[in-house]
Amino acid sequence: ALSEVGITGLTVTEVKGFGRQKGHTELYR
């Protein structure tokens, strides 16, 4: 979508966080 509006460069970073979503519980072993 950014490429379609003519933006040719960007920076991408893998991050972790939470907001209203507040995370979740998981079951492991």
PDB file of all heavy atoms in Angstrom:
ATOM      1  N   ALA A   1       0.833  -1.210   0.000  1.00  0.00           N
ATOM      2  CA  ALA A   1       0.000   0.000   0.000  1.00  0.00           C
ATOM      3  C   ALA A   1       0.866   1.258   0.000  1.00  0.00           C
ATOM      4  O   ALA A   1       0.566   2.228  -0.701  1.00  0.00           O
ATOM      5  CB  ALA A   1      -0.932  -0.006   1.202  1.00  0.00           C
ATOM      6  N   LEU A   2       1.948   1.245   0.763  1.00  0.00           N
ATOM      7  CA  LEU A   2       2.859   2.400   0.788  1.00  0.00           C
ATOM      8  C   LEU A   2       3.566   2.557  -0.554  1.00  0.00           C
ATOM      9  O   LEU A   2       3.772   3.670  -1.031  1.00  0.00           O
ATOM     10  CB  LEU A   2       3.869   2.259   1.922  1.00  0.00           C
ATOM     11  CG  LEU A   2       3.295   2.440   3.330  1.00  0.00           C
ATOM     12  CD1 LEU A   2       4.344   2.099   4.381  1.00  0.00           C
ATOM     13  CD2 LEU A   2       2.783   3.857   3.529  1.00  0.00           C
ATOM     14  N   SER A   3       3.909   1.439  -1.160  1.00  0.00           N
ATOM     15  CA  SER A   3       4.549   1.481  -2.471  1.00  0.00           C
ATOM     16  C   SER A   3       3.619   2.098  -3.519  1.00  0.00           C
ATOM     17  O   SER A   3       4.065   2.858  -4.386  1.00  0.00           O
ATOM     18  CB  SER A   3       4.953   0.062  -2.877  1.00  0.00           C
ATOM     19  OG  SER A   3       5.581   0.066  -4.120  1.00  0.00           O
ATOM     20  N   GLU A   4       2.334   1.806  -3.422  1.00  0.00           N
ATOM     21  CA  GLU A   4       1.358   2.345  -4.373  1.00  0.00           C
ATOM     22  C   GLU A   4       1.208   3.860  -4.274  1.00  0.00           C
ATOM     23  O   GLU A   4       0.850   4.508  -5.248  1.00  0.00           O
ATOM     24  CB  GLU A   4      -0.002   1.680  -4.169  1.00  0.00           C
ATOM     25  CG  GLU A   4      -0.048   0.251  -4.667  1.00  0.00           C
ATOM     26  CD  GLU A   4      -1.349  -0.454  -4.348  1.00  0.00           C
ATOM     27  OE1 GLU A   4      -2.311   0.226  -3.913  1.00  0.00           O
ATOM     28  OE2 GLU A   4      -1.403  -1.684  -4.521  1.00  0.00           O
ATOM     29  N   VAL A   5       1.498   4.441  -3.090  1.00  0.00           N
ATOM     30  CA  VAL A   5       1.436   5.900  -2.956  1.00  0.00           C
ATOM     31  C   VAL A   5       2.790   6.549  -3.206  1.00  0.00           C
ATOM     32  O   VAL A   5       2.948   7.744  -2.995  1.00  0.00           O
ATOM     33  CB  VAL A   5       0.877   6.368  -1.589  1.00  0.00           C
ATOM     34  CG1 VAL A   5      -0.600   6.500  -1.584  1.00  0.00           C
ATOM     35  CG2 VAL A   5       1.377   5.564  -0.448  1.00  0.00           C
ATOM     36  N   GLY A   6       3.763   5.756  -3.672  1.00  0.00           N
ATOM     37  CA  GLY A   6       5.039   6.322  -4.081  1.00  0.00           C
ATOM     38  C   GLY A   6       6.130   6.323  -3.034  1.00  0.00           C
ATOM     39  O   GLY A   6       7.173   6.956  -3.222  1.00  0.00           O
ATOM     40  N   ILE A   7       5.938   5.613  -1.942  1.00  0.00           N
ATOM     41  CA  ILE A   7       6.976   5.552  -0.906  1.00  0.00           C
ATOM     42  C   ILE A   7       7.920   4.417  -1.251  1.00  0.00           C
ATOM     43  O   ILE A   7       7.511   3.263  -1.381  1.00  0.00           O
ATOM     44  CB  ILE A   7       6.334   5.372   0.487  1.00  0.00           C
ATOM     45  CG1 ILE A   7       5.530   6.630   0.798  1.00  0.00           C
ATOM     46  CG2 ILE A   7       7.390   5.110   1.543  1.00  0.00           C
ATOM     47  CD1 ILE A   7       4.659   6.538   1.986  1.00  0.00           C
ATOM     48  N   THR A   8       9.199   4.753  -1.407  1.00  0.00           N
ATOM     49  CA  THR A   8      10.165   3.783  -1.901  1.00  0.00           C
ATOM     50  C   THR A   8      11.024   3.152  -0.818  1.00  0.00           C
ATOM     51  O   THR A   8      11.699   2.166  -1.076  1.00  0.00           O
ATOM     52  CB  THR A   8      11.096   4.451  -2.932  1.00  0.00           C
ATOM     53  OG1 THR A   8      11.735   5.568  -2.304  1.00  0.00           O
ATOM     54  CG2 THR A   8      10.316   4.908  -4.138  1.00  0.00           C
ATOM     55  N   GLY A   9      11.031   3.695   0.382  1.00  0.00           N
ATOM     56  CA  GLY A   9      11.864   3.117   1.428  1.00  0.00           C
ATOM     57  C   GLY A   9      11.187   3.154   2.776  1.00  0.00           C
ATOM     58  O   GLY A   9      10.409   4.067   3.067  1.00  0.00           O
ATOM     59  N   LEU A  10      11.452   2.136   3.579  1.00  0.00           N
ATOM     60  CA  LEU A  10      10.913   2.109   4.924  1.00  0.00           C
ATOM     61  C   LEU A  10      11.804   1.236   5.803  1.00  0.00           C
ATOM     62  O   LEU A  10      12.621   0.484   5.299  1.00  0.00           O
ATOM     63  CB  LEU A  10       9.461   1.608   4.945  1.00  0.00           C
ATOM     64  CG  LEU A  10       9.125   0.282   4.273  1.00  0.00           C
ATOM     65  CD1 LEU A  10       9.252  -0.875   5.240  1.00  0.00           C
ATOM     66  CD2 LEU A  10       7.713   0.340   3.755  1.00  0.00           C
ATOM     67  N   THR A  11      11.627   1.357   7.094  1.00  0.00           N
ATOM     68  CA  THR A  11      12.363   0.553   8.061  1.00  0.00           C
ATOM     69  C   THR A  11      11.364  -0.282   8.828  1.00  0.00           C
ATOM     70  O   THR A  11      10.322   0.214   9.248  1.00  0.00           O
ATOM     71  CB  THR A  11      13.139   1.457   9.038  1.00  0.00           C
ATOM     72  OG1 THR A  11      14.033   2.283   8.289  1.00  0.00           O
ATOM     73  CG2 THR A  11      13.926   0.635  10.044  1.00  0.00           C
ATOM     74  N   VAL A  12      11.689  -1.557   9.014  1.00  0.00           N
ATOM     75  CA  VAL A  12      10.811  -2.480   9.718  1.00  0.00           C
ATOM     76  C   VAL A  12      11.560  -3.083  10.897  1.00  0.00           C
ATOM     77  O   VAL A  12      12.703  -3.514  10.757  1.00  0.00           O
ATOM     78  CB  VAL A  12      10.332  -3.610   8.771  1.00  0.00           C
ATOM     79  CG1 VAL A  12       9.513  -4.641   9.523  1.00  0.00           C
ATOM     80  CG2 VAL A  12       9.548  -3.035   7.616  1.00  0.00           C
ATOM     81  N   THR A  13      10.902  -3.109  12.059  1.00  0.00           N
ATOM     82  CA  THR A  13      11.491  -3.674  13.269  1.00  0.00           C
ATOM     83  C   THR A  13      10.485  -4.621  13.908  1.00  0.00           C
ATOM     84  O   THR A  13       9.304  -4.298  14.002  1.00  0.00           O
ATOM     85  CB  THR A  13      11.824  -2.557  14.285  1.00  0.00           C
ATOM     86  OG1 THR A  13      12.543  -1.522  13.632  1.00  0.00           O
ATOM     87  CG2 THR A  13      12.650  -3.093  15.431  1.00  0.00           C
ATOM     88  N   GLU A  14      10.972  -5.781  14.364  1.00  0.00           N
ATOM     89  CA  GLU A  14      10.118  -6.682  15.130  1.00  0.00           C
ATOM     90  C   GLU A  14      10.116  -6.192  16.570  1.00  0.00           C
ATOM     91  O   GLU A  14      11.182  -6.031  17.177  1.00  0.00           O
ATOM     92  CB  GLU A  14      10.638  -8.113  15.061  1.00  0.00           C
ATOM     93  CG  GLU A  14      10.503  -8.730  13.689  1.00  0.00           C
ATOM     94  CD  GLU A  14      11.002 -10.172  13.646  1.00  0.00           C
ATOM     95  OE1 GLU A  14      11.192 -10.785  14.715  1.00  0.00           O
ATOM     96  OE2 GLU A  14      11.193 -10.670  12.532  1.00  0.00           O
ATOM     97  N   VAL A  15       8.930  -5.933  17.112  1.00  0.00           N
ATOM     98  CA  VAL A  15       8.809  -5.412  18.472  1.00  0.00           C
ATOM     99  C   VAL A  15       7.789  -6.250  19.238  1.00  0.00           C
ATOM    100  O   VAL A  15       7.087  -7.077  18.667  1.00  0.00           O
ATOM    101  CB  VAL A  15       8.391  -3.923  18.476  1.00  0.00           C
ATOM    102  CG1 VAL A  15       9.471  -3.063  17.849  1.00  0.00           C
ATOM    103  CG2 VAL A  15       7.071  -3.712  17.763  1.00  0.00           C
ATOM    104  N   LYS A  16       7.723  -6.022  20.544  1.00  0.00           N
ATOM    105  CA  LYS A  16       6.716  -6.665  21.384  1.00  0.00           C
ATOM    106  C   LYS A  16       6.055  -5.600  22.225  1.00  0.00           C
ATOM    107  O   LYS A  16       6.695  -4.624  22.618  1.00  0.00           O
ATOM    108  CB  LYS A  16       7.355  -7.712  22.301  1.00  0.00           C
ATOM    109  CG  LYS A  16       7.865  -8.907  21.556  1.00  0.00           C
ATOM    110  CD  LYS A  16       8.364  -9.952  22.512  1.00  0.00           C
ATOM    111  CE  LYS A  16       8.833 -11.145  21.703  1.00  0.00           C
ATOM    112  NZ  LYS A  16       8.902 -12.336  22.519  1.00  0.00           N
ATOM    113  N   GLY A  17       4.781  -5.769  22.503  1.00  0.00           N
ATOM    114  CA  GLY A  17       4.090  -4.799  23.325  1.00  0.00           C
ATOM    115  C   GLY A  17       2.658  -5.209  23.580  1.00  0.00           C
ATOM    116  O   GLY A  17       2.219  -6.280  23.162  1.00  0.00           O
ATOM    117  N   PHE A  18       1.948  -4.339  24.276  1.00  0.00           N
ATOM    118  CA  PHE A  18       0.530  -4.568  24.503  1.00  0.00           C
ATOM    119  C   PHE A  18      -0.151  -3.243  24.750  1.00  0.00           C
ATOM    120  O   PHE A  18       0.469  -2.260  25.123  1.00  0.00           O
ATOM    121  CB  PHE A  18       0.270  -5.539  25.665  1.00  0.00           C
ATOM    122  CG  PHE A  18       0.588  -4.960  27.017  1.00  0.00           C
ATOM    123  CD1 PHE A  18      -0.384  -4.294  27.749  1.00  0.00           C
ATOM    124  CD2 PHE A  18       1.848  -5.085  27.541  1.00  0.00           C
ATOM    125  CE1 PHE A  18      -0.088  -3.768  28.990  1.00  0.00           C
ATOM    126  CE2 PHE A  18       2.160  -4.564  28.781  1.00  0.00           C
ATOM    127  CZ  PHE A  18       1.191  -3.900  29.509  1.00  0.00           C
ATOM    128  N   GLY A  19      -1.413  -3.223  24.494  1.00  0.00           N
ATOM    129  CA  GLY A  19      -2.253  -2.058  24.751  1.00  0.00           C
ATOM    130  C   GLY A  19      -3.520  -2.561  25.396  1.00  0.00           C
ATOM    131  O   GLY A  19      -3.478  -3.312  26.370  1.00  0.00           O
ATOM    132  N   ARG A  20      -4.634  -2.240  24.826  1.00  0.00           N
ATOM    133  CA  ARG A  20      -5.914  -2.722  25.352  1.00  0.00           C
ATOM    134  C   ARG A  20      -6.053  -4.228  25.205  1.00  0.00           C
ATOM    135  O   ARG A  20      -6.825  -4.864  25.899  1.00  0.00           O
ATOM    136  CB  ARG A  20      -7.071  -2.045  24.641  1.00  0.00           C
ATOM    137  CG  ARG A  20      -7.176  -0.589  24.990  1.00  0.00           C
ATOM    138  CD  ARG A  20      -8.389   0.028  24.360  1.00  0.00           C
ATOM    139  NE  ARG A  20      -8.456   1.434  24.724  1.00  0.00           N
ATOM    140  CZ  ARG A  20      -9.116   2.320  24.049  1.00  0.00           C
ATOM    141  NH1 ARG A  20      -9.773   1.975  22.973  1.00  0.00           N
ATOM    142  NH2 ARG A  20      -9.133   3.573  24.435  1.00  0.00           N
ATOM    143  N   GLN A  21      -5.285  -4.797  24.294  1.00  0.00           N
ATOM    144  CA  GLN A  21      -5.342  -6.234  24.046  1.00  0.00           C
ATOM    145  C   GLN A  21      -4.893  -7.025  25.278  1.00  0.00           C
ATOM    146  O   GLN A  21      -5.345  -8.125  25.519  1.00  0.00           O
ATOM    147  CB  GLN A  21      -4.447  -6.557  22.845  1.00  0.00           C
ATOM    148  CG  GLN A  21      -4.778  -7.833  22.151  1.00  0.00           C
ATOM    149  CD  GLN A  21      -3.982  -7.975  20.873  1.00  0.00           C
ATOM    150  OE1 GLN A  21      -3.129  -7.157  20.548  1.00  0.00           O
ATOM    151  NE2 GLN A  21      -4.251  -9.012  20.136  1.00  0.00           N
ATOM    152  N   LYS A  22      -3.976  -6.479  26.038  1.00  0.00           N
ATOM    153  CA  LYS A  22      -3.517  -7.000  27.326  1.00  0.00           C
ATOM    154  C   LYS A  22      -2.885  -8.386  27.302  1.00  0.00           C
ATOM    155  O   LYS A  22      -2.766  -9.024  28.319  1.00  0.00           O
ATOM    156  CB  LYS A  22      -4.665  -7.035  28.336  1.00  0.00           C
ATOM    157  CG  LYS A  22      -5.277  -5.712  28.655  1.00  0.00           C
ATOM    158  CD  LYS A  22      -4.577  -5.059  29.812  1.00  0.00           C
ATOM    159  CE  LYS A  22      -5.341  -3.939  30.434  1.00  0.00           C
ATOM    160  NZ  LYS A  22      -5.598  -2.803  29.603  1.00  0.00           N
ATOM    161  N   GLY A  23      -2.474  -8.896  26.178  1.00  0.00           N
ATOM    162  CA  GLY A  23      -1.866 -10.220  26.151  1.00  0.00           C
ATOM    163  C   GLY A  23      -2.920 -11.311  26.259  1.00  0.00           C
ATOM    164  O   GLY A  23      -4.107 -11.074  26.142  1.00  0.00           O
ATOM    165  N   HIS A  24      -2.461 -12.525  26.517  1.00  0.00           N
ATOM    166  CA  HIS A  24      -3.380 -13.654  26.628  1.00  0.00           C
ATOM    167  C   HIS A  24      -2.698 -14.787  27.385  1.00  0.00           C
ATOM    168  O   HIS A  24      -1.502 -14.747  27.641  1.00  0.00           O
ATOM    169  CB  HIS A  24      -3.822 -14.120  25.242  1.00  0.00           C
ATOM    170  CG  HIS A  24      -2.702 -14.580  24.377  1.00  0.00           C
ATOM    171  ND1 HIS A  24      -1.879 -13.709  23.700  1.00  0.00           N
ATOM    172  CD2 HIS A  24      -2.234 -15.814  24.094  1.00  0.00           C
ATOM    173  CE1 HIS A  24      -0.963 -14.395  23.020  1.00  0.00           C
ATOM    174  NE2 HIS A  24      -1.159 -15.662  23.241  1.00  0.00           N
ATOM    175  N   THR A  25      -3.466 -15.827  27.730  1.00  0.00           N
ATOM    176  CA  THR A  25      -2.883 -16.990  28.394  1.00  0.00           C
ATOM    177  C   THR A  25      -2.752 -18.114  27.384  1.00  0.00           C
ATOM    178  O   THR A  25      -3.560 -18.246  26.456  1.00  0.00           O
ATOM    179  CB  THR A  25      -3.764 -17.464  29.572  1.00  0.00           C
ATOM    180  OG1 THR A  25      -5.065 -17.713  29.091  1.00  0.00           O
ATOM    181  CG2 THR A  25      -3.812 -16.429  30.665  1.00  0.00           C
ATOM    182  N   GLU A  26      -1.700 -18.908  27.550  1.00  0.00           N
ATOM    183  CA  GLU A  26      -1.468 -20.050  26.677  1.00  0.00           C
ATOM    184  C   GLU A  26      -1.218 -21.280  27.524  1.00  0.00           C
ATOM    185  O   GLU A  26      -0.796 -21.181  28.672  1.00  0.00           O
ATOM    186  CB  GLU A  26      -0.263 -19.797  25.760  1.00  0.00           C
ATOM    187  CG  GLU A  26      -0.539 -18.795  24.674  1.00  0.00           C
ATOM    188  CD  GLU A  26       0.593 -18.686  23.665  1.00  0.00           C
ATOM    189  OE1 GLU A  26       1.578 -19.438  23.785  1.00  0.00           O
ATOM    190  OE2 GLU A  26       0.479 -17.844  22.771  1.00  0.00           O
ATOM    191  N   LEU A  27      -1.445 -22.429  26.936  1.00  0.00           N
ATOM    192  CA  LEU A  27      -1.208 -23.692  27.601  1.00  0.00           C
ATOM    193  C   LEU A  27       0.004 -24.343  26.957  1.00  0.00           C
ATOM    194  O   LEU A  27       0.047 -24.522  25.742  1.00  0.00           O
ATOM    195  CB  LEU A  27      -2.452 -24.577  27.442  1.00  0.00           C
ATOM    196  CG  LEU A  27      -2.573 -25.769  28.359  1.00  0.00           C
ATOM    197  CD1 LEU A  27      -2.620 -25.318  29.826  1.00  0.00           C
ATOM    198  CD2 LEU A  27      -3.837 -26.553  28.031  1.00  0.00           C
ATOM    199  N   TYR A  28       1.027 -24.669  27.759  1.00  0.00           N
ATOM    200  CA  TYR A  28       2.230 -25.292  27.236  1.00  0.00           C
ATOM    201  C   TYR A  28       2.591 -26.469  28.134  1.00  0.00           C
ATOM    202  O   TYR A  28       2.868 -26.292  29.320  1.00  0.00           O
ATOM    203  CB  TYR A  28       3.378 -24.276  27.178  1.00  0.00           C
ATOM    204  CG  TYR A  28       4.668 -24.856  26.661  1.00  0.00           C
ATOM    205  CD1 TYR A  28       4.803 -25.211  25.330  1.00  0.00           C
ATOM    206  CD2 TYR A  28       5.749 -25.065  27.514  1.00  0.00           C
ATOM    207  CE1 TYR A  28       5.976 -25.746  24.846  1.00  0.00           C
ATOM    208  CE2 TYR A  28       6.936 -25.597  27.048  1.00  0.00           C
ATOM    209  CZ  TYR A  28       7.040 -25.944  25.710  1.00  0.00           C
ATOM    210  OH  TYR A  28       8.208 -26.478  25.237  1.00  0.00           O
ATOM    211  N   ARG A  29       2.558 -27.662  27.582  1.00  0.00           N
ATOM    212  CA  ARG A  29       2.859 -28.891  28.310  1.00  0.00           C
ATOM    213  C   ARG A  29       2.077 -28.986  29.618  1.00  0.00           C
ATOM    214  O   ARG A  29       2.614 -29.308  30.674  1.00  0.00           O
ATOM    215  CB  ARG A  29       4.356 -29.003  28.588  1.00  0.00           C
ATOM    216  CG  ARG A  29       5.145 -29.195  27.321  1.00  0.00           C
ATOM    217  CD  ARG A  29       6.553 -29.549  27.613  1.00  0.00           C
ATOM    218  NE  ARG A  29       7.259 -29.796  26.360  1.00  0.00           N
ATOM    219  CZ  ARG A  29       8.510 -30.167  26.285  1.00  0.00           C
ATOM    220  NH1 ARG A  29       9.224 -30.341  27.381  1.00  0.00           N
ATOM    221  NH2 ARG A  29       9.066 -30.364  25.128  1.00  0.00           N
TER     222      ARG A  29
END
